[in-house]
């Protein structure tokens, strides 16, 4: 009996469970809100695959916002406020959403408000909470992104989301490699 307990402790110590840590994966243990650290490489892809929400493997994912990418000049003159005051161009999607790409389809997921800092470290870890449940799902050929080629100094890039007959201006963080990979998969 004691040998069994000692061997179990040794196994737990030297061979920890390699399954996902559900407390760090989901927000407060809620399986309907996935915590995704924005700054970590491939965090959307890894976390969405670990969530168990999809039957297919996610090959890319990232945050997209409706609206044009604003230049520094438009921000200084106040024109960026006019753009923000405009409503969403495409009413079926929220202003900010997560796009996840599989081999066969593209899925849009909603977001909860941003939260900053996990409290575990002294540095600020920006985390977004992705909601379970698809807002929209399309085959890979139905949705594409056409980058506009501009590189504003604000840190965001922009383009047009082509979805069926709709054309929606969108923008994303230019420094995010994972969104860059997502856009590269969805270009024309």
N, C-alpha and C. Protein backbone atom coordinates (compact mmCIF):
# COMPACT_ATOMS: atom_id res chain seq x y z
N UNK A 1 0.81 -1.19 0.00
CA UNK A 1 0.00 0.00 0.00
C UNK A 1 0.86 1.26 0.00
N UNK A 2 1.81 1.33 0.90
CA UNK A 2 2.67 2.50 0.98
C UNK A 2 3.52 2.60 -0.29
N UNK A 3 3.96 1.46 -0.80
CA UNK A 3 4.76 1.46 -2.03
C UNK A 3 3.93 2.01 -3.19
N UNK A 4 2.65 1.67 -3.26
CA UNK A 4 1.78 2.20 -4.32
C UNK A 4 1.65 3.72 -4.22
N UNK A 5 1.49 4.23 -3.01
CA UNK A 5 1.37 5.68 -2.84
C UNK A 5 2.67 6.39 -3.18
N UNK A 6 3.79 5.84 -2.76
CA UNK A 6 5.09 6.44 -3.05
C UNK A 6 5.35 6.41 -4.56
N UNK A 7 5.02 5.30 -5.20
CA UNK A 7 5.23 5.23 -6.64
C UNK A 7 4.33 6.21 -7.38
N UNK A 8 3.10 6.42 -6.90
CA UNK A 8 2.20 7.40 -7.54
C UNK A 8 2.74 8.81 -7.40
N UNK A 9 3.29 9.14 -6.22
CA UNK A 9 3.89 10.46 -6.00
C UNK A 9 5.09 10.63 -6.92
N UNK A 10 5.91 9.59 -7.05
CA UNK A 10 7.08 9.67 -7.93
C UNK A 10 6.66 9.85 -9.39
N UNK A 11 5.64 9.17 -9.81
CA UNK A 11 5.14 9.31 -11.18
C UNK A 11 4.62 10.73 -11.41
N UNK A 12 3.84 11.24 -10.45
CA UNK A 12 3.33 12.60 -10.57
C UNK A 12 4.44 13.64 -10.60
N UNK A 13 5.52 13.38 -9.83
CA UNK A 13 6.62 14.32 -9.76
C UNK A 13 7.48 14.30 -11.02
N UNK A 14 7.83 13.11 -11.49
CA UNK A 14 8.76 12.99 -12.62
C UNK A 14 8.09 12.92 -13.99
N UNK A 15 6.81 12.62 -14.02
CA UNK A 15 6.06 12.54 -15.28
C UNK A 15 4.75 13.30 -15.12
N UNK A 16 4.83 14.64 -15.08
CA UNK A 16 3.58 15.40 -14.89
C UNK A 16 2.63 15.21 -16.06
N UNK A 17 1.36 15.46 -15.78
CA UNK A 17 0.33 15.38 -16.82
C UNK A 17 0.62 16.44 -17.87
N UNK A 18 0.67 16.04 -19.14
CA UNK A 18 0.98 16.97 -20.22
C UNK A 18 -0.28 17.58 -20.84
N UNK A 19 -1.43 17.32 -20.27
CA UNK A 19 -2.67 17.90 -20.77
C UNK A 19 -2.69 19.40 -20.50
N UNK A 20 -3.59 20.11 -21.16
CA UNK A 20 -3.64 21.56 -20.98
C UNK A 20 -4.07 21.94 -19.57
N UNK A 21 -3.50 23.02 -19.06
CA UNK A 21 -3.88 23.57 -17.76
C UNK A 21 -5.18 24.34 -17.96
N UNK A 22 -6.29 23.76 -17.56
CA UNK A 22 -7.61 24.34 -17.84
C UNK A 22 -7.81 25.68 -17.14
N UNK A 23 -7.16 25.89 -15.98
CA UNK A 23 -7.31 27.17 -15.28
C UNK A 23 -6.67 28.30 -16.06
N UNK A 24 -5.55 28.05 -16.72
CA UNK A 24 -4.92 29.12 -17.51
C UNK A 24 -5.51 29.19 -18.91
N UNK A 25 -6.13 28.12 -19.38
CA UNK A 25 -6.70 28.09 -20.72
C UNK A 25 -8.04 28.82 -20.78
N UNK A 26 -8.89 28.58 -19.79
CA UNK A 26 -10.22 29.19 -19.77
C UNK A 26 -10.29 30.26 -18.69
N UNK A 27 -11.08 31.31 -18.93
CA UNK A 27 -11.23 32.40 -17.98
C UNK A 27 -12.01 31.93 -16.76
N UNK A 28 -11.37 31.93 -15.61
CA UNK A 28 -11.97 31.53 -14.33
C UNK A 28 -12.66 30.17 -14.42
N UNK A 29 -12.06 29.26 -15.17
CA UNK A 29 -12.60 27.92 -15.30
C UNK A 29 -13.85 27.81 -16.15
N UNK A 30 -14.29 28.91 -16.74
CA UNK A 30 -15.48 28.92 -17.58
C UNK A 30 -15.13 28.36 -18.96
N UNK A 31 -15.63 27.20 -19.35
CA UNK A 31 -15.26 26.60 -20.63
C UNK A 31 -15.83 27.34 -21.85
N UNK A 32 -16.57 28.43 -21.63
CA UNK A 32 -17.12 29.21 -22.74
C UNK A 32 -16.35 30.49 -23.03
N UNK A 33 -15.26 30.75 -22.27
CA UNK A 33 -14.41 31.91 -22.50
C UNK A 33 -12.95 31.47 -22.48
N UNK A 34 -12.33 31.54 -23.62
CA UNK A 34 -10.95 31.11 -23.78
C UNK A 34 -10.00 32.29 -23.61
N UNK A 35 -9.03 32.19 -22.71
CA UNK A 35 -8.04 33.25 -22.49
C UNK A 35 -6.94 33.09 -23.53
N UNK A 36 -6.66 34.16 -24.27
CA UNK A 36 -5.59 34.12 -25.28
C UNK A 36 -4.65 35.30 -25.06
N UNK A 37 -3.41 35.03 -24.62
CA UNK A 37 -2.42 36.11 -24.49
C UNK A 37 -2.04 36.61 -25.89
N UNK A 38 -2.26 37.89 -26.13
CA UNK A 38 -2.09 38.45 -27.47
C UNK A 38 -0.62 38.45 -27.91
N UNK A 39 0.30 38.67 -26.98
CA UNK A 39 1.71 38.82 -27.35
C UNK A 39 2.43 37.49 -27.62
N UNK A 40 1.88 36.38 -27.19
CA UNK A 40 2.54 35.09 -27.40
C UNK A 40 2.43 34.65 -28.85
N UNK A 41 3.52 34.15 -29.44
CA UNK A 41 3.45 33.66 -30.83
C UNK A 41 2.50 32.47 -30.96
N UNK A 42 1.72 32.48 -32.00
CA UNK A 42 0.77 31.41 -32.32
C UNK A 42 -0.20 31.09 -31.19
N UNK A 43 -0.47 32.08 -30.32
CA UNK A 43 -1.34 31.82 -29.17
C UNK A 43 -2.77 31.50 -29.58
N UNK A 44 -3.27 32.17 -30.62
CA UNK A 44 -4.64 31.87 -31.05
C UNK A 44 -4.73 30.45 -31.58
N UNK A 45 -3.81 30.06 -32.42
CA UNK A 45 -3.82 28.73 -33.00
C UNK A 45 -3.70 27.66 -31.90
N UNK A 46 -2.73 27.82 -31.01
CA UNK A 46 -2.51 26.83 -29.95
C UNK A 46 -3.69 26.74 -29.00
N UNK A 47 -4.18 27.88 -28.55
CA UNK A 47 -5.27 27.88 -27.57
C UNK A 47 -6.59 27.40 -28.17
N UNK A 48 -6.89 27.80 -29.39
CA UNK A 48 -8.13 27.33 -30.02
C UNK A 48 -8.08 25.82 -30.26
N UNK A 49 -6.92 25.30 -30.63
CA UNK A 49 -6.79 23.85 -30.80
C UNK A 49 -6.91 23.12 -29.46
N UNK A 50 -6.34 23.69 -28.39
CA UNK A 50 -6.39 23.06 -27.07
C UNK A 50 -7.78 23.14 -26.44
N UNK A 51 -8.61 24.07 -26.89
CA UNK A 51 -9.93 24.27 -26.28
C UNK A 51 -10.87 23.09 -26.51
N UNK A 52 -10.68 22.38 -27.63
CA UNK A 52 -11.59 21.28 -27.95
C UNK A 52 -12.88 21.75 -28.58
N UNK A 53 -12.96 23.02 -28.98
CA UNK A 53 -14.18 23.57 -29.56
C UNK A 53 -14.38 23.16 -31.01
N UNK A 54 -13.33 22.73 -31.70
CA UNK A 54 -13.43 22.46 -33.13
C UNK A 54 -13.08 21.01 -33.44
N UNK A 55 -13.73 20.47 -34.47
CA UNK A 55 -13.42 19.12 -34.94
C UNK A 55 -12.18 19.11 -35.81
N UNK A 56 -11.89 20.24 -36.45
CA UNK A 56 -10.74 20.36 -37.33
C UNK A 56 -9.62 21.12 -36.63
N UNK A 57 -8.41 20.95 -37.13
CA UNK A 57 -7.28 21.69 -36.57
C UNK A 57 -7.29 23.13 -37.08
N UNK A 58 -7.06 24.07 -36.18
CA UNK A 58 -6.94 25.47 -36.54
C UNK A 58 -5.52 25.69 -37.06
N UNK A 59 -5.38 26.24 -38.27
CA UNK A 59 -4.05 26.47 -38.85
C UNK A 59 -3.59 27.91 -38.65
N UNK A 60 -4.50 28.85 -38.39
CA UNK A 60 -4.16 30.24 -38.12
C UNK A 60 -5.34 30.91 -37.43
N UNK A 61 -5.03 31.94 -36.67
CA UNK A 61 -6.08 32.70 -36.01
C UNK A 61 -5.56 34.05 -35.59
N UNK A 62 -6.47 34.98 -35.35
CA UNK A 62 -6.06 36.30 -34.91
C UNK A 62 -7.23 37.26 -34.80
N UNK A 63 -6.93 38.46 -34.31
CA UNK A 63 -7.94 39.50 -34.11
C UNK A 63 -8.05 40.39 -35.33
N UNK A 64 -9.29 40.66 -35.73
CA UNK A 64 -9.59 41.56 -36.84
C UNK A 64 -10.62 42.57 -36.32
N UNK A 65 -10.50 43.81 -36.77
CA UNK A 65 -11.47 44.85 -36.41
C UNK A 65 -12.08 45.45 -37.67
N UNK A 66 -13.37 45.75 -37.61
CA UNK A 66 -14.00 46.44 -38.72
C UNK A 66 -13.59 47.91 -38.70
N UNK A 67 -13.44 48.50 -39.87
CA UNK A 67 -13.05 49.90 -39.99
C UNK A 67 -11.70 50.03 -40.66
N UNK A 68 -11.42 51.22 -41.17
CA UNK A 68 -10.16 51.47 -41.85
C UNK A 68 -9.03 51.63 -40.86
N UNK A 69 -7.82 51.23 -41.27
CA UNK A 69 -6.62 51.50 -40.47
C UNK A 69 -6.34 52.99 -40.56
N UNK A 70 -6.18 53.64 -39.43
CA UNK A 70 -6.03 55.09 -39.39
C UNK A 70 -4.56 55.49 -39.48
N UNK A 71 -4.30 56.54 -40.23
CA UNK A 71 -2.95 57.09 -40.32
C UNK A 71 -2.71 58.01 -39.13
N UNK A 72 -1.46 58.36 -38.92
CA UNK A 72 -1.12 59.27 -37.85
C UNK A 72 -1.75 60.64 -38.09
N UNK A 73 -1.80 61.05 -39.35
CA UNK A 73 -2.39 62.34 -39.72
C UNK A 73 -3.89 62.36 -39.37
N UNK A 74 -4.60 61.27 -39.67
CA UNK A 74 -6.04 61.24 -39.36
C UNK A 74 -6.27 61.22 -37.86
N UNK A 75 -5.36 60.64 -37.12
CA UNK A 75 -5.50 60.64 -35.67
C UNK A 75 -5.26 62.03 -35.09
N UNK A 76 -4.30 62.76 -35.66
CA UNK A 76 -3.98 64.10 -35.15
C UNK A 76 -5.07 65.11 -35.53
N UNK A 77 -5.67 64.94 -36.69
CA UNK A 77 -6.70 65.90 -37.12
C UNK A 77 -8.08 65.57 -36.56
N UNK A 78 -8.24 64.40 -35.99
CA UNK A 78 -9.53 64.02 -35.43
C UNK A 78 -10.40 63.21 -36.37
N UNK A 79 -9.93 62.99 -37.59
CA UNK A 79 -10.72 62.23 -38.54
C UNK A 79 -10.90 60.78 -38.08
N UNK A 80 -9.97 60.29 -37.30
CA UNK A 80 -10.08 58.93 -36.77
C UNK A 80 -11.32 58.80 -35.88
N UNK A 81 -11.68 59.87 -35.17
CA UNK A 81 -12.89 59.84 -34.34
C UNK A 81 -14.14 59.70 -35.19
N UNK A 82 -14.13 60.35 -36.35
CA UNK A 82 -15.26 60.23 -37.26
C UNK A 82 -15.40 58.78 -37.72
N UNK A 83 -14.27 58.17 -38.03
CA UNK A 83 -14.29 56.76 -38.47
C UNK A 83 -14.80 55.85 -37.36
N UNK A 84 -14.40 56.14 -36.12
CA UNK A 84 -14.88 55.33 -34.99
C UNK A 84 -16.36 55.51 -34.74
N UNK A 85 -16.85 56.72 -35.00
CA UNK A 85 -18.27 57.00 -34.77
C UNK A 85 -19.16 56.30 -35.80
N UNK A 86 -18.59 55.97 -36.95
CA UNK A 86 -19.38 55.25 -37.95
C UNK A 86 -19.72 53.87 -37.40
N UNK A 87 -20.86 53.39 -37.75
CA UNK A 87 -21.28 52.07 -37.30
C UNK A 87 -20.50 50.97 -38.01
N UNK A 88 -20.74 49.77 -37.57
CA UNK A 88 -20.11 48.63 -38.24
C UNK A 88 -20.59 48.57 -39.67
N UNK A 89 -19.69 48.24 -40.57
CA UNK A 89 -20.05 48.16 -41.98
C UNK A 89 -20.85 46.88 -42.25
N UNK A 90 -20.47 45.81 -41.58
CA UNK A 90 -21.10 44.51 -41.80
C UNK A 90 -21.77 44.11 -40.49
N UNK A 91 -23.07 44.18 -40.43
CA UNK A 91 -23.81 44.01 -39.19
C UNK A 91 -23.79 42.58 -38.64
N UNK A 92 -23.46 41.59 -39.48
CA UNK A 92 -23.45 40.21 -39.01
C UNK A 92 -22.23 39.90 -38.14
N UNK A 93 -21.23 40.80 -38.16
CA UNK A 93 -20.03 40.61 -37.34
C UNK A 93 -19.87 41.78 -36.38
N UNK A 94 -19.35 41.54 -35.17
CA UNK A 94 -19.10 42.65 -34.24
C UNK A 94 -17.93 43.52 -34.73
N UNK A 95 -17.71 44.64 -34.08
CA UNK A 95 -16.62 45.53 -34.49
C UNK A 95 -15.28 44.81 -34.37
N UNK A 96 -15.03 44.07 -33.29
CA UNK A 96 -13.82 43.28 -33.13
C UNK A 96 -14.20 41.82 -33.01
N UNK A 97 -13.45 40.96 -33.68
CA UNK A 97 -13.76 39.53 -33.64
C UNK A 97 -12.49 38.73 -33.89
N UNK A 98 -12.57 37.46 -33.62
CA UNK A 98 -11.47 36.54 -33.86
C UNK A 98 -11.80 35.72 -35.10
N UNK A 99 -10.85 35.63 -36.03
CA UNK A 99 -11.01 34.74 -37.18
C UNK A 99 -10.11 33.53 -36.96
N UNK A 100 -10.65 32.35 -37.17
CA UNK A 100 -9.90 31.11 -37.07
C UNK A 100 -10.03 30.38 -38.41
N UNK A 101 -8.90 29.91 -38.92
CA UNK A 101 -8.87 29.26 -40.23
C UNK A 101 -8.51 27.79 -40.06
N UNK A 102 -9.31 26.92 -40.66
CA UNK A 102 -8.99 25.50 -40.74
C UNK A 102 -8.63 25.19 -42.20
N UNK A 103 -8.42 23.94 -42.51
CA UNK A 103 -8.10 23.58 -43.90
C UNK A 103 -9.28 23.81 -44.84
N UNK A 104 -10.51 23.73 -44.31
CA UNK A 104 -11.68 23.81 -45.18
C UNK A 104 -12.55 25.03 -44.97
N UNK A 105 -12.43 25.71 -43.82
CA UNK A 105 -13.35 26.80 -43.54
C UNK A 105 -12.70 27.90 -42.71
N UNK A 106 -13.42 29.03 -42.64
CA UNK A 106 -13.04 30.18 -41.82
C UNK A 106 -14.17 30.42 -40.84
N UNK A 107 -13.83 30.58 -39.56
CA UNK A 107 -14.82 30.73 -38.50
C UNK A 107 -14.60 32.07 -37.80
N UNK A 108 -15.68 32.81 -37.56
CA UNK A 108 -15.61 34.04 -36.77
C UNK A 108 -16.15 33.75 -35.37
N UNK A 109 -15.41 34.23 -34.37
CA UNK A 109 -15.78 34.06 -32.97
C UNK A 109 -15.84 35.42 -32.30
N UNK A 110 -16.76 35.57 -31.37
CA UNK A 110 -16.90 36.83 -30.64
C UNK A 110 -15.86 36.96 -29.55
N UNK A 111 -15.75 38.18 -29.01
CA UNK A 111 -14.80 38.48 -27.95
C UNK A 111 -15.51 39.09 -26.76
N UNK A 112 -15.00 38.82 -25.57
CA UNK A 112 -15.40 39.55 -24.38
C UNK A 112 -14.47 40.76 -24.28
N UNK A 113 -14.76 41.71 -23.41
CA UNK A 113 -13.87 42.87 -23.29
C UNK A 113 -12.46 42.46 -22.89
N UNK A 114 -11.51 43.30 -23.25
CA UNK A 114 -10.09 43.04 -22.95
C UNK A 114 -9.87 43.06 -21.45
N UNK A 115 -8.89 42.28 -21.01
CA UNK A 115 -8.43 42.38 -19.63
C UNK A 115 -6.91 42.44 -19.68
N UNK A 116 -6.34 43.23 -18.81
CA UNK A 116 -4.89 43.37 -18.80
C UNK A 116 -4.35 42.80 -17.51
N UNK A 117 -3.23 42.09 -17.64
CA UNK A 117 -2.53 41.57 -16.48
C UNK A 117 -3.18 40.34 -15.91
N UNK A 118 -2.36 39.33 -15.69
CA UNK A 118 -2.86 38.11 -15.09
C UNK A 118 -2.62 38.08 -13.60
N UNK A 119 -1.77 39.00 -13.08
CA UNK A 119 -1.48 39.02 -11.66
C UNK A 119 -0.35 38.10 -11.26
N UNK A 120 0.07 37.19 -12.13
CA UNK A 120 1.13 36.25 -11.77
C UNK A 120 2.51 36.87 -11.91
N UNK A 121 2.67 37.82 -12.81
CA UNK A 121 3.97 38.42 -13.04
C UNK A 121 3.87 39.92 -12.90
N UNK A 122 5.03 40.56 -12.85
CA UNK A 122 5.01 42.01 -12.72
C UNK A 122 4.76 42.69 -14.06
N UNK A 123 5.01 41.98 -15.16
CA UNK A 123 4.76 42.59 -16.47
C UNK A 123 3.29 42.47 -16.82
N UNK A 124 2.83 43.34 -17.70
CA UNK A 124 1.43 43.31 -18.11
C UNK A 124 1.27 42.33 -19.25
N UNK A 125 0.38 41.40 -19.08
CA UNK A 125 0.10 40.38 -20.08
C UNK A 125 -1.28 40.68 -20.65
N UNK A 126 -1.34 41.23 -21.86
CA UNK A 126 -2.63 41.57 -22.45
C UNK A 126 -3.30 40.28 -22.92
N UNK A 127 -4.49 40.06 -22.43
CA UNK A 127 -5.23 38.84 -22.72
C UNK A 127 -6.58 39.21 -23.31
N UNK A 128 -6.98 38.49 -24.34
CA UNK A 128 -8.32 38.67 -24.90
C UNK A 128 -9.09 37.39 -24.58
N UNK A 129 -10.39 37.55 -24.33
CA UNK A 129 -11.22 36.39 -24.01
C UNK A 129 -12.12 36.10 -25.21
N UNK A 130 -11.89 34.95 -25.84
CA UNK A 130 -12.65 34.54 -27.01
C UNK A 130 -13.85 33.74 -26.53
N UNK A 131 -15.03 34.09 -27.04
CA UNK A 131 -16.26 33.41 -26.65
C UNK A 131 -16.47 32.15 -27.48
N UNK A 132 -16.99 31.13 -26.83
CA UNK A 132 -17.33 29.89 -27.52
C UNK A 132 -18.57 30.14 -28.37
N UNK A 133 -18.63 29.48 -29.49
CA UNK A 133 -19.79 29.62 -30.37
C UNK A 133 -19.45 30.46 -31.58
N UNK A 134 -19.78 29.93 -32.72
CA UNK A 134 -19.44 30.60 -33.97
C UNK A 134 -20.43 31.72 -34.28
N UNK A 135 -19.91 32.88 -34.63
CA UNK A 135 -20.75 33.98 -35.10
C UNK A 135 -21.05 33.75 -36.58
N UNK A 136 -20.06 33.21 -37.27
CA UNK A 136 -20.20 32.91 -38.69
C UNK A 136 -19.19 31.86 -39.10
N UNK A 137 -19.51 31.16 -40.16
CA UNK A 137 -18.61 30.13 -40.69
C UNK A 137 -18.77 30.10 -42.20
N UNK A 138 -17.65 30.10 -42.91
CA UNK A 138 -17.66 30.12 -44.36
C UNK A 138 -16.62 29.15 -44.89
N UNK A 139 -16.82 28.68 -46.10
CA UNK A 139 -15.77 27.86 -46.71
C UNK A 139 -14.60 28.78 -47.03
N UNK A 140 -13.41 28.21 -47.18
CA UNK A 140 -12.21 29.02 -47.41
C UNK A 140 -12.34 29.90 -48.65
N UNK A 141 -13.07 29.44 -49.67
CA UNK A 141 -13.20 30.22 -50.90
C UNK A 141 -14.20 31.37 -50.81
N UNK A 142 -15.07 31.36 -49.81
CA UNK A 142 -16.10 32.39 -49.68
C UNK A 142 -15.60 33.68 -49.06
N UNK A 143 -14.50 33.62 -48.33
CA UNK A 143 -14.00 34.77 -47.61
C UNK A 143 -12.55 35.01 -47.98
N UNK A 144 -12.22 36.27 -48.28
CA UNK A 144 -10.82 36.61 -48.55
C UNK A 144 -10.54 38.02 -48.06
N UNK A 145 -9.27 38.30 -47.80
CA UNK A 145 -8.84 39.62 -47.35
C UNK A 145 -7.88 40.17 -48.39
N UNK A 146 -8.12 41.40 -48.78
CA UNK A 146 -7.25 42.08 -49.73
C UNK A 146 -6.57 43.24 -49.00
N UNK A 147 -5.27 43.11 -48.62
CA UNK A 147 -4.57 44.21 -47.94
C UNK A 147 -4.49 45.44 -48.84
N UNK A 148 -4.59 46.63 -48.23
CA UNK A 148 -4.57 47.85 -49.04
C UNK A 148 -3.16 48.34 -49.35
N UNK A 149 -2.14 47.73 -48.76
CA UNK A 149 -0.76 48.08 -49.08
C UNK A 149 -0.21 49.26 -48.29
N UNK A 150 -1.07 49.99 -47.58
CA UNK A 150 -0.59 51.12 -46.78
C UNK A 150 0.09 50.61 -45.52
N UNK A 151 1.06 51.37 -45.02
CA UNK A 151 1.72 51.04 -43.77
C UNK A 151 1.71 52.27 -42.85
N UNK A 152 0.55 52.60 -42.26
CA UNK A 152 0.50 53.77 -41.38
C UNK A 152 1.41 53.57 -40.16
N UNK A 153 1.89 54.67 -39.61
CA UNK A 153 2.78 54.61 -38.46
C UNK A 153 2.06 54.29 -37.16
N UNK A 154 0.78 54.07 -37.22
CA UNK A 154 0.00 53.80 -36.02
C UNK A 154 0.12 52.36 -35.54
N UNK A 155 0.77 51.51 -36.32
CA UNK A 155 0.94 50.12 -35.91
C UNK A 155 -0.15 49.19 -36.41
N UNK A 156 -1.04 49.69 -37.25
CA UNK A 156 -2.10 48.86 -37.78
C UNK A 156 -2.04 48.84 -39.30
N UNK A 157 -2.45 47.73 -39.87
CA UNK A 157 -2.57 47.61 -41.32
C UNK A 157 -4.02 47.43 -41.64
N UNK A 158 -4.39 47.72 -42.87
CA UNK A 158 -5.78 47.63 -43.25
C UNK A 158 -5.97 46.92 -44.56
N UNK A 159 -7.22 46.67 -44.87
CA UNK A 159 -7.56 46.02 -46.11
C UNK A 159 -9.06 45.88 -46.22
N UNK A 160 -9.47 45.06 -47.16
CA UNK A 160 -10.89 44.84 -47.41
C UNK A 160 -11.19 43.37 -47.23
N UNK A 161 -12.21 43.09 -46.45
CA UNK A 161 -12.70 41.74 -46.26
C UNK A 161 -13.78 41.51 -47.29
N UNK A 162 -13.58 40.56 -48.17
CA UNK A 162 -14.57 40.22 -49.19
C UNK A 162 -15.32 38.98 -48.72
N UNK A 163 -16.60 39.15 -48.50
CA UNK A 163 -17.43 38.08 -47.97
C UNK A 163 -18.69 38.02 -48.80
N UNK A 164 -18.72 37.06 -49.73
CA UNK A 164 -19.84 37.01 -50.65
C UNK A 164 -19.84 38.26 -51.50
N UNK A 165 -20.92 38.99 -51.51
CA UNK A 165 -21.00 40.24 -52.26
C UNK A 165 -20.62 41.46 -51.44
N UNK A 166 -20.35 41.28 -50.15
CA UNK A 166 -20.02 42.39 -49.26
C UNK A 166 -18.53 42.71 -49.30
N UNK A 167 -18.20 44.00 -49.17
CA UNK A 167 -16.83 44.45 -49.03
C UNK A 167 -16.76 45.28 -47.77
N UNK A 168 -15.97 44.82 -46.80
CA UNK A 168 -15.92 45.44 -45.48
C UNK A 168 -14.49 45.90 -45.20
N UNK A 169 -14.28 47.21 -44.88
CA UNK A 169 -12.94 47.62 -44.48
C UNK A 169 -12.60 47.04 -43.11
N UNK A 170 -11.40 46.48 -43.00
CA UNK A 170 -10.94 45.88 -41.75
C UNK A 170 -9.51 46.33 -41.47
N UNK A 171 -9.08 46.14 -40.23
CA UNK A 171 -7.70 46.43 -39.86
C UNK A 171 -7.23 45.44 -38.82
N UNK A 172 -5.90 45.36 -38.66
CA UNK A 172 -5.29 44.41 -37.73
C UNK A 172 -3.95 44.97 -37.29
N UNK A 173 -3.41 44.40 -36.22
CA UNK A 173 -2.13 44.80 -35.66
C UNK A 173 -1.02 44.40 -36.62
N UNK A 174 -0.27 45.38 -37.11
CA UNK A 174 0.79 45.10 -38.09
C UNK A 174 1.95 44.33 -37.48
N UNK A 175 2.12 44.41 -36.18
CA UNK A 175 3.25 43.73 -35.52
C UNK A 175 2.94 42.29 -35.15
N UNK A 176 1.71 41.87 -35.32
CA UNK A 176 1.32 40.51 -34.94
C UNK A 176 1.62 39.53 -36.08
N UNK A 177 2.57 38.63 -35.83
CA UNK A 177 2.90 37.63 -36.84
C UNK A 177 1.75 36.67 -37.08
N UNK A 178 0.99 36.36 -36.01
CA UNK A 178 -0.10 35.40 -36.19
C UNK A 178 -1.22 35.98 -37.06
N UNK A 179 -1.49 37.27 -36.96
CA UNK A 179 -2.50 37.87 -37.84
C UNK A 179 -1.93 37.98 -39.25
N UNK A 180 -0.63 38.25 -39.36
CA UNK A 180 0.00 38.28 -40.68
C UNK A 180 -0.12 36.94 -41.39
N UNK A 181 0.05 35.85 -40.63
CA UNK A 181 -0.12 34.50 -41.19
C UNK A 181 -1.56 34.27 -41.60
N UNK A 182 -2.49 34.71 -40.76
CA UNK A 182 -3.92 34.59 -41.07
C UNK A 182 -4.27 35.32 -42.36
N UNK A 183 -3.82 36.56 -42.49
CA UNK A 183 -4.09 37.36 -43.67
C UNK A 183 -3.46 36.72 -44.90
N UNK A 184 -2.23 36.20 -44.74
CA UNK A 184 -1.56 35.55 -45.88
C UNK A 184 -2.35 34.34 -46.39
N UNK A 185 -2.99 33.61 -45.48
CA UNK A 185 -3.81 32.47 -45.90
C UNK A 185 -5.09 32.89 -46.62
N UNK A 186 -5.59 34.09 -46.29
CA UNK A 186 -6.87 34.53 -46.83
C UNK A 186 -6.74 35.52 -47.97
N UNK A 187 -5.53 35.84 -48.39
CA UNK A 187 -5.33 36.76 -49.51
C UNK A 187 -5.79 36.08 -50.79
N UNK A 188 -6.60 36.82 -51.55
CA UNK A 188 -7.12 36.49 -52.84
C UNK A 188 -7.05 35.13 -53.32
